Amino acid sequence: MSGRTVGARERGQDRNAEAGPLNERIARALQEEIRTGLHPVGSTLPTETALCARFAASRFTIREALRKLVEKGLVERRQGAGSTVIATTAQPGFAQVFDDLADMFEYARDTHLDVASLGMIQIDPEVAGFVQAPAGSSWLRAEGVRWTAERDAMICFVSVYVHARFAPLLTDLREVGGAVYGLVEARSGELIAEALQEISAQPMPPAVARALKRPRGAPAMRFVRRYYDVSGGIMLASVNWHPGEQCRYTTRIRRGEWRA
């Protein structure tokens, strides 16, 4: 069944079915196929590549659609095993599972950062704390809103702090708008050996709320990420503010070897 056929069927059933971002429409189409038995329990959904081609969508959009199915308890996703159907009716209490660092990196690659401000700053003590650099030291700061690839939905507000030695390599960041860490790697030849992430629930600062068109103090999830080189030195750090109602994060812990 083609994406066009699915769209026509949805329009025939409900004139409002096409409303909303593309990832939501794709999720609805796949959910309907699961409900009607096209993808029975225990079967595997088509690959991300196949779904990208079918719906003429980016990999990030497909992953967002699959994430919605995971949240509804319809699908389980595991690295190397695809997306397995585990139920035919939606259930509460499920969320996205991230298996490795590559999934987090793909998130940035398949989205677009609209850079609103870019320039060298001297970081204050608060920023110095999570950047792990001396207060008053000079860093390149880029701030803006990250959008889906189709630019049909805002994802989060981003502040990125890049070590000064990389600043000359990022003068065109406003035009590029991709993953900042990827540009740093590609243009400097230095590889990111490790990334550490901290997550906390906090009210949105006024500037973030304005950028994301949310009420001041709206609930948000703050993701602080630090990227280190092979010697353990910090290359860049980012602060990502996600609207609370759009953000869920799950870590799967598997049983290892037991010790007596």
Protein backbone atom coordinates (compact mmCIF):
# COMPACT_ATOMS: atom_id res chain seq x y z
CA MET A 1 0.00 0.00 0.00
CA SER A 2 1.52 3.33 -1.00
CA GLY A 3 1.70 6.46 1.13
CA ARG A 4 -0.64 8.12 -1.37
CA THR A 5 -3.21 5.34 -0.97
CA VAL A 6 -3.02 5.62 2.80
CA GLY A 7 -3.51 9.39 2.58
CA ALA A 8 -6.53 8.99 0.33
CA ARG A 9 -8.10 6.45 2.66
CA GLU A 10 -7.57 8.72 5.67
CA ARG A 11 -9.19 11.63 3.88
CA GLY A 12 -12.16 9.42 3.06
CA GLN A 13 -12.54 8.39 6.68
CA ASP A 14 -11.90 11.70 8.38
CA ARG A 15 -11.42 15.11 6.82
CA ASN A 16 -9.22 16.07 9.76
CA ALA A 17 -6.94 13.03 9.48
CA GLU A 18 -4.34 14.99 7.54
CA ALA A 19 -4.01 17.62 10.27
CA GLY A 20 -0.83 17.85 12.29
CA PRO A 21 2.87 17.27 11.60
CA LEU A 22 3.96 14.62 9.10
CA ASN A 23 5.28 12.31 11.82
CA GLU A 24 1.83 12.25 13.45
CA ARG A 25 0.15 11.41 10.15
CA ILE A 26 2.59 8.59 9.53
CA ALA A 27 2.06 7.27 13.05
CA ARG A 28 -1.72 7.29 12.53
CA ALA A 29 -1.38 5.41 9.25
CA LEU A 30 0.84 2.72 10.79
CA GLN A 31 -1.39 2.47 13.86
CA GLU A 32 -4.40 1.84 11.64
CA GLU A 33 -2.50 -0.86 9.75
CA ILE A 34 -1.60 -2.51 13.06
CA ARG A 35 -5.21 -2.30 14.26
CA THR A 36 -6.56 -3.92 11.11
CA GLY A 37 -4.04 -6.77 11.19
CA LEU A 38 -1.83 -5.73 8.28
CA HIS A 39 1.04 -5.90 10.78
CA PRO A 40 0.04 -8.59 13.31
CA VAL A 41 1.51 -8.95 16.79
CA GLY A 42 5.00 -10.45 16.56
CA SER A 43 5.65 -9.12 13.06
CA THR A 44 8.24 -6.50 12.19
CA LEU A 45 7.33 -3.18 10.61
CA PRO A 46 9.10 -2.14 7.37
CA THR A 47 12.60 -0.76 7.84
CA GLU A 48 13.23 2.95 8.40
CA THR A 49 14.66 3.15 4.88
CA ALA A 50 11.50 1.61 3.39
CA LEU A 51 9.25 3.92 5.41
CA CYS A 52 11.31 6.95 4.36
CA ALA A 53 10.75 6.05 0.72
CA ARG A 54 7.07 5.22 1.18
CA PHE A 55 6.16 8.46 2.94
CA ALA A 56 8.81 10.71 1.29
CA ALA A 57 10.01 11.63 4.78
CA SER A 58 13.34 12.05 6.55
CA ARG A 59 14.76 9.42 8.86
CA PHE A 60 14.14 11.68 11.85
CA THR A 61 10.45 12.04 10.92
CA ILE A 62 10.08 8.27 10.62
CA ARG A 63 11.77 7.78 13.97
CA GLU A 64 9.42 10.30 15.56
CA ALA A 65 6.45 8.40 14.10
CA LEU A 66 7.79 5.12 15.45
CA ARG A 67 8.46 6.77 18.80
CA LYS A 68 4.77 7.64 19.03
CA LEU A 69 3.90 3.99 18.43
CA VAL A 70 6.33 2.99 21.18
CA GLU A 71 4.74 5.48 23.57
CA LYS A 72 1.33 3.96 22.86
CA GLY A 73 2.62 0.48 23.63
CA LEU A 74 2.09 -0.79 20.09
CA VAL A 75 5.70 -1.31 19.06
CA GLU A 76 8.99 -2.27 20.69
CA ARG A 77 12.22 -1.07 19.12
CA ARG A 78 15.58 -2.75 19.59
CA GLN A 79 18.86 -2.05 17.87
CA GLY A 80 19.47 -4.59 15.14
CA ALA A 81 15.98 -6.09 15.46
CA GLY A 82 13.82 -3.36 13.93
CA SER A 83 10.34 -2.38 15.18
CA THR A 84 8.30 -5.33 16.46
CA VAL A 85 4.53 -5.10 16.92
CA ILE A 86 3.62 -6.04 20.51
CA ALA A 87 -0.05 -4.95 20.73
CA THR A 88 -2.95 -3.94 18.48
CA THR A 89 -4.52 -1.35 20.80
CA ALA A 90 -2.83 1.62 22.44
CA GLN A 91 -1.67 1.29 26.05
CA PRO A 92 -0.33 3.99 28.41
CA GLY A 93 3.07 4.18 30.01
CA PHE A 94 5.51 3.53 27.17
CA ALA A 95 8.36 5.68 25.87
CA GLN A 96 11.23 5.85 23.40
CA VAL A 97 14.23 3.61 24.08
CA PHE A 98 17.72 4.87 23.16
CA ASP A 99 20.18 2.01 22.79
CA ASP A 100 23.43 3.87 22.13
CA LEU A 101 25.15 7.18 21.48
CA ALA A 102 24.58 6.88 17.73
CA ASP A 103 20.82 7.34 18.24
CA MET A 104 21.41 10.66 19.99
CA PHE A 105 23.73 11.81 17.21
CA GLU A 106 21.23 10.84 14.51
CA TYR A 107 18.70 13.10 16.22
CA ALA A 108 20.88 16.13 15.52
CA ARG A 109 21.83 15.05 12.02
CA ASP A 110 18.24 14.64 10.86
CA THR A 111 16.96 17.97 12.18
CA HIS A 112 17.72 21.62 11.44
CA LEU A 113 19.03 24.29 13.82
CA ASP A 114 17.94 27.84 13.05
CA VAL A 115 20.74 29.89 14.59
CA ALA A 116 19.38 33.18 15.98
CA SER A 117 22.63 34.39 17.58
CA LEU A 118 26.29 33.51 17.07
CA GLY A 119 29.38 35.06 18.63
CA MET A 120 32.21 34.89 21.14
CA ILE A 121 31.31 35.42 24.80
CA GLN A 122 32.97 35.26 28.19
CA ILE A 123 31.08 32.61 30.12
CA ASP A 124 29.65 33.43 33.53
CA PRO A 125 30.02 31.18 36.61
CA GLU A 126 26.72 29.34 35.98
CA VAL A 127 27.63 28.43 32.42
CA ALA A 128 31.19 27.65 33.46
CA GLY A 129 29.79 25.00 35.79
CA PHE A 130 28.23 22.82 33.13
CA VAL A 131 30.75 23.66 30.40
CA GLN A 132 33.51 22.70 32.85
CA ALA A 133 35.66 25.68 31.97
CA PRO A 134 36.99 28.67 33.93
CA ALA A 135 34.53 31.51 34.44
CA GLY A 136 35.46 34.42 32.20
CA SER A 137 37.05 32.22 29.52
CA SER A 138 36.06 32.87 25.90
CA TRP A 139 33.79 30.43 24.07
CA LEU A 140 31.80 30.54 20.85
CA ARG A 141 28.07 30.52 21.63
CA ALA A 142 25.31 29.68 19.17
CA GLU A 143 21.64 29.82 20.16
CA GLY A 144 18.47 29.02 18.28
CA VAL A 145 15.55 26.67 17.77
CA ARG A 146 15.91 23.13 16.45
CA TRP A 147 13.16 22.08 14.01
CA THR A 148 12.10 18.84 12.38
CA ALA A 149 13.57 18.27 8.93
CA GLU A 150 10.25 19.31 7.35
CA ARG A 151 10.16 22.44 9.55
CA ASP A 152 6.62 21.62 10.62
CA ALA A 153 7.35 21.51 14.36
CA MET A 154 9.76 23.06 16.85
CA ILE A 155 11.71 20.49 18.88
CA CYS A 156 13.73 22.44 21.41
CA PHE A 157 15.71 25.59 22.17
CA VAL A 158 19.48 25.07 21.96
CA SER A 159 22.49 26.87 23.39
CA VAL A 160 25.83 25.48 22.20
CA TYR A 161 29.19 26.49 23.68
CA VAL A 162 32.20 25.61 21.51
CA HIS A 163 35.85 25.77 22.55
CA ALA A 164 37.51 28.90 21.13
CA ARG A 165 39.98 26.90 19.03
CA PHE A 166 37.11 25.74 16.83
CA ALA A 167 35.48 29.16 16.41
CA PRO A 168 37.21 29.99 13.07
CA LEU A 169 35.73 26.80 11.61
CA LEU A 170 32.12 27.74 12.35
CA THR A 171 31.72 31.24 10.89
CA ASP A 172 29.04 29.92 8.50
CA LEU A 173 27.00 28.13 11.17
CA ARG A 174 23.93 30.27 10.47
CA GLU A 175 23.83 28.99 6.90
CA VAL A 176 24.67 25.36 7.68
CA GLY A 177 22.35 24.79 10.64
CA GLY A 178 23.16 21.12 11.11
CA ALA A 179 24.73 19.22 13.99
CA VAL A 180 27.39 21.49 15.53
CA TYR A 181 29.40 18.57 16.90
CA GLY A 182 29.47 17.05 13.40
CA LEU A 183 30.88 20.23 11.88
CA VAL A 184 33.53 20.42 14.58
CA GLU A 185 34.60 16.83 13.89
CA ALA A 186 34.57 17.18 10.11
CA ARG A 187 36.38 20.50 9.92
CA SER A 188 38.93 20.07 12.70
CA GLY A 189 39.75 16.40 12.22
CA GLU A 190 39.34 15.86 15.96
CA LEU A 191 36.95 13.09 16.97
CA ILE A 192 34.51 13.10 19.85
CA ALA A 193 35.45 10.14 22.01
CA GLU A 194 32.71 10.48 24.60
CA ALA A 195 29.53 12.43 25.31
CA LEU A 196 27.99 12.80 28.76
CA GLN A 197 24.36 13.80 29.23
CA GLU A 198 22.52 15.19 32.25
CA ILE A 199 18.73 15.52 32.34
CA SER A 200 16.69 17.64 34.73
CA ALA A 201 13.13 18.98 34.93
CA GLN A 202 13.02 22.77 35.20
CA PRO A 203 10.73 25.69 34.33
CA MET A 204 11.53 27.40 31.04
CA PRO A 205 13.55 30.62 31.31
CA PRO A 206 11.77 33.62 29.75
CA ALA A 207 13.95 33.71 26.61
CA VAL A 208 13.44 30.00 25.97
CA ALA A 209 9.68 30.26 26.50
CA ARG A 210 9.45 33.13 24.01
CA ALA A 211 11.45 31.24 21.38
CA LEU A 212 9.32 28.09 21.76
CA LYS A 213 6.06 30.07 22.04
CA ARG A 214 5.31 28.66 25.49
CA PRO A 215 4.12 30.43 28.65
CA ARG A 216 6.87 31.78 30.88
CA GLY A 217 7.84 29.14 33.41
CA ALA A 218 6.25 26.30 31.42
CA PRO A 219 7.55 22.84 32.43
CA ALA A 220 10.56 21.69 30.45
CA MET A 221 13.22 19.02 30.35
CA ARG A 222 16.76 20.38 30.20
CA PHE A 223 19.39 18.20 28.52
CA VAL A 224 23.01 19.23 29.14
CA ARG A 225 25.51 17.42 26.92
CA ARG A 226 29.30 17.62 27.06
CA TYR A 227 31.49 16.31 24.26
CA TYR A 228 35.08 15.21 25.00
CA ASP A 229 38.09 14.46 22.83
CA VAL A 230 40.31 11.39 23.17
CA SER A 231 42.45 13.09 25.83
CA GLY A 232 39.41 13.90 27.95
CA GLY A 233 39.36 17.60 27.11
CA ILE A 234 36.00 19.23 26.50
CA MET A 235 35.33 20.29 22.91
CA LEU A 236 31.83 21.69 23.21
CA ALA A 237 28.74 21.59 25.41
CA SER A 238 25.08 22.14 24.69
CA VAL A 239 21.93 22.95 26.65
CA ASN A 240 18.69 21.75 25.05
CA TRP A 241 15.31 22.85 26.44
CA HIS A 242 12.44 20.54 25.42
CA PRO A 243 8.77 21.31 26.22
CA GLY A 244 7.85 18.98 29.06
CA GLU A 245 4.76 17.55 27.41
CA GLN A 246 6.77 16.49 24.34
CA CYS A 247 9.69 14.83 26.04
CA ARG A 248 10.08 11.35 27.48
CA TYR A 249 13.33 9.47 27.96
CA THR A 250 13.80 5.81 28.82
CA THR A 251 16.92 3.76 29.50
CA ARG A 252 16.75 -0.01 29.16
CA ILE A 253 18.92 -1.90 31.65
CA ARG A 254 19.65 -5.49 30.67
CA ARG A 255 20.72 -8.22 33.04
CA GLY A 256 24.47 -8.87 32.96
CA GLU A 257 26.56 -11.53 34.60
CA TRP A 258 25.65 -12.12 38.22
CA ARG A 259 28.38 -12.31 40.81
CA ALA A 260 28.19 -14.58 43.82
